[in-house]
Amino acid sequence: MSLAVDPASAEPPFHQLKGQIVEGVKRGALTPGTRLPAVRKLAEEVGVSTATAAKVYRELEESGVLEGRGRSGTFVSAADLPGSVLARAAEEFAERAAGSGFGAEEAVAAVRNAFGNLG
């Protein structure tokens, strides 16, 4: 699978790259155990900073999509991708909503509204 960043896109390169990796895993183009390029190589290939590439990998490791194996590299995780990504996103949203003083009812209503605005 080839990753690319469109500099003309309104979407930041970080989001483009992260989204492409998640989509690649969801669609089976990146299967569990697939080794991804080193951070420097990825940054060079797609034209982003090493900090951006490292942040993409770090966030995807935290959400369970990828796993870092030290010097061996970064690999697609064998974890339940849809479940782990959704659970992590829900945890982050719940923390932010609660930290802003909102309760569960308001948070659920906001999510329903956001889904209603998608299409």
Protein backbone atom coordinates (compact mmCIF):
# COMPACT_ATOMS: atom_id res chain seq x y z
CA MET A 1 0.00 0.00 0.00
CA SER A 2 1.28 3.42 -0.95
CA LEU A 3 0.81 6.34 1.44
CA ALA A 4 0.71 9.90 0.12
CA VAL A 5 -0.05 13.38 1.41
CA ASP A 6 -1.86 15.91 -0.78
CA PRO A 7 -0.36 19.33 -0.01
CA ALA A 8 -3.35 21.04 -1.67
CA SER A 9 -5.82 19.34 0.66
CA ALA A 10 -7.55 21.34 3.39
CA GLU A 11 -7.01 18.34 5.68
CA PRO A 12 -3.71 18.54 7.61
CA PRO A 13 -1.01 16.05 6.54
CA PHE A 14 -1.14 14.39 9.98
CA HIS A 15 -4.84 13.55 9.55
CA GLN A 16 -4.37 12.43 5.95
CA LEU A 17 -1.61 10.01 6.88
CA LYS A 18 -3.32 8.68 9.98
CA GLY A 19 -6.58 8.18 8.07
CA GLN A 20 -4.85 6.34 5.22
CA ILE A 21 -3.20 3.89 7.61
CA VAL A 22 -6.45 3.21 9.46
CA GLU A 23 -8.32 2.74 6.15
CA GLY A 24 -5.58 0.44 4.88
CA VAL A 25 -5.96 -1.73 7.96
CA LYS A 26 -9.77 -1.71 7.79
CA ARG A 27 -9.79 -2.70 4.11
CA GLY A 28 -7.15 -5.38 4.53
CA ALA A 29 -4.44 -3.65 2.50
CA LEU A 30 -2.37 -3.55 5.70
CA THR A 31 -2.76 -6.88 7.47
CA PRO A 32 -1.74 -7.79 11.04
CA GLY A 33 2.00 -8.22 11.22
CA THR A 34 2.75 -5.94 8.26
CA ARG A 35 5.88 -3.91 8.97
CA LEU A 36 5.59 -0.20 8.27
CA PRO A 37 8.49 2.01 7.17
CA ALA A 38 10.70 3.58 9.82
CA VAL A 39 9.58 7.05 10.92
CA ARG A 40 12.34 8.82 8.97
CA LYS A 41 11.69 6.82 5.83
CA LEU A 42 7.92 7.42 6.02
CA ALA A 43 8.47 11.15 6.55
CA GLU A 44 10.79 11.30 3.57
CA GLU A 45 8.49 9.25 1.31
CA VAL A 46 5.36 11.31 1.95
CA GLY A 47 6.98 14.70 2.50
CA VAL A 48 6.17 15.38 6.15
CA SER A 49 8.40 16.12 9.13
CA THR A 50 9.73 13.24 11.21
CA ALA A 51 7.80 14.71 14.14
CA THR A 52 4.54 14.38 12.18
CA ALA A 53 5.29 10.80 11.15
CA ALA A 54 6.28 9.90 14.72
CA LYS A 55 3.06 11.44 16.07
CA VAL A 56 0.97 9.41 13.60
CA TYR A 57 2.65 6.18 14.69
CA ARG A 58 2.43 7.10 18.39
CA GLU A 59 -1.30 7.86 18.24
CA LEU A 60 -2.02 4.71 16.24
CA GLU A 61 -0.02 2.67 18.75
CA GLU A 62 -2.03 4.21 21.60
CA SER A 63 -5.28 3.31 19.87
CA GLY A 64 -4.14 -0.26 19.19
CA VAL A 65 -3.90 -0.03 15.40
CA LEU A 66 -0.11 -0.32 15.38
CA GLU A 67 2.43 -1.80 17.73
CA GLY A 68 5.98 -0.63 18.17
CA ARG A 69 8.55 -3.38 18.66
CA GLY A 70 11.55 -1.24 19.53
CA ARG A 71 14.40 -1.64 17.05
CA SER A 72 12.41 -4.24 15.11
CA GLY A 73 10.07 -1.53 13.85
CA THR A 74 6.38 -0.64 13.79
CA PHE A 75 3.82 -3.25 12.78
CA VAL A 76 0.10 -3.48 12.17
CA SER A 77 -1.40 -4.84 15.35
CA ALA A 78 -3.36 -8.06 15.51
CA ALA A 79 -5.84 -6.39 17.86
CA ASP A 80 -9.52 -5.95 17.05
CA LEU A 81 -9.09 -2.76 15.04
CA PRO A 82 -12.66 -1.51 14.81
CA GLY A 83 -13.29 -2.22 18.48
CA SER A 84 -10.03 -0.73 19.74
CA VAL A 85 -10.19 2.40 17.59
CA LEU A 86 -13.79 3.08 18.55
CA ALA A 87 -13.16 2.39 22.24
CA ARG A 88 -10.16 4.73 22.31
CA ALA A 89 -12.05 7.48 20.50
CA ALA A 90 -14.96 7.10 22.93
CA GLU A 91 -12.62 7.28 25.93
CA GLU A 92 -10.97 10.43 24.61
CA PHE A 93 -14.32 12.05 23.87
CA ALA A 94 -15.75 11.10 27.27
CA GLU A 95 -12.70 12.55 29.04
CA ARG A 96 -12.95 15.81 27.10
CA ALA A 97 -16.71 16.10 27.57
CA ALA A 98 -16.51 15.38 31.32
CA GLY A 99 -13.55 17.75 31.66
CA SER A 100 -15.67 20.48 30.08
CA GLY A 101 -18.49 19.88 32.53
CA PHE A 102 -20.85 17.87 30.30
CA GLY A 103 -22.70 14.76 31.41
CA ALA A 104 -23.30 11.50 29.58
CA GLU A 105 -26.72 12.59 28.23
CA GLU A 106 -25.29 15.75 26.68
CA ALA A 107 -22.30 13.86 25.27
CA VAL A 108 -24.50 11.18 23.66
CA ALA A 109 -26.72 13.89 22.16
CA ALA A 110 -23.65 15.62 20.74
CA VAL A 111 -22.44 12.37 19.14
CA ARG A 112 -25.87 11.72 17.61
CA ASN A 113 -25.93 15.26 16.27
CA ALA A 114 -22.44 14.84 14.79
CA PHE A 115 -23.47 11.62 13.06
CA GLY A 116 -26.57 13.37 11.74
CA ASN A 117 -24.35 16.04 10.19
CA LEU A 118 -22.17 13.53 8.34
CA GLY A 119 -24.25 12.91 5.38
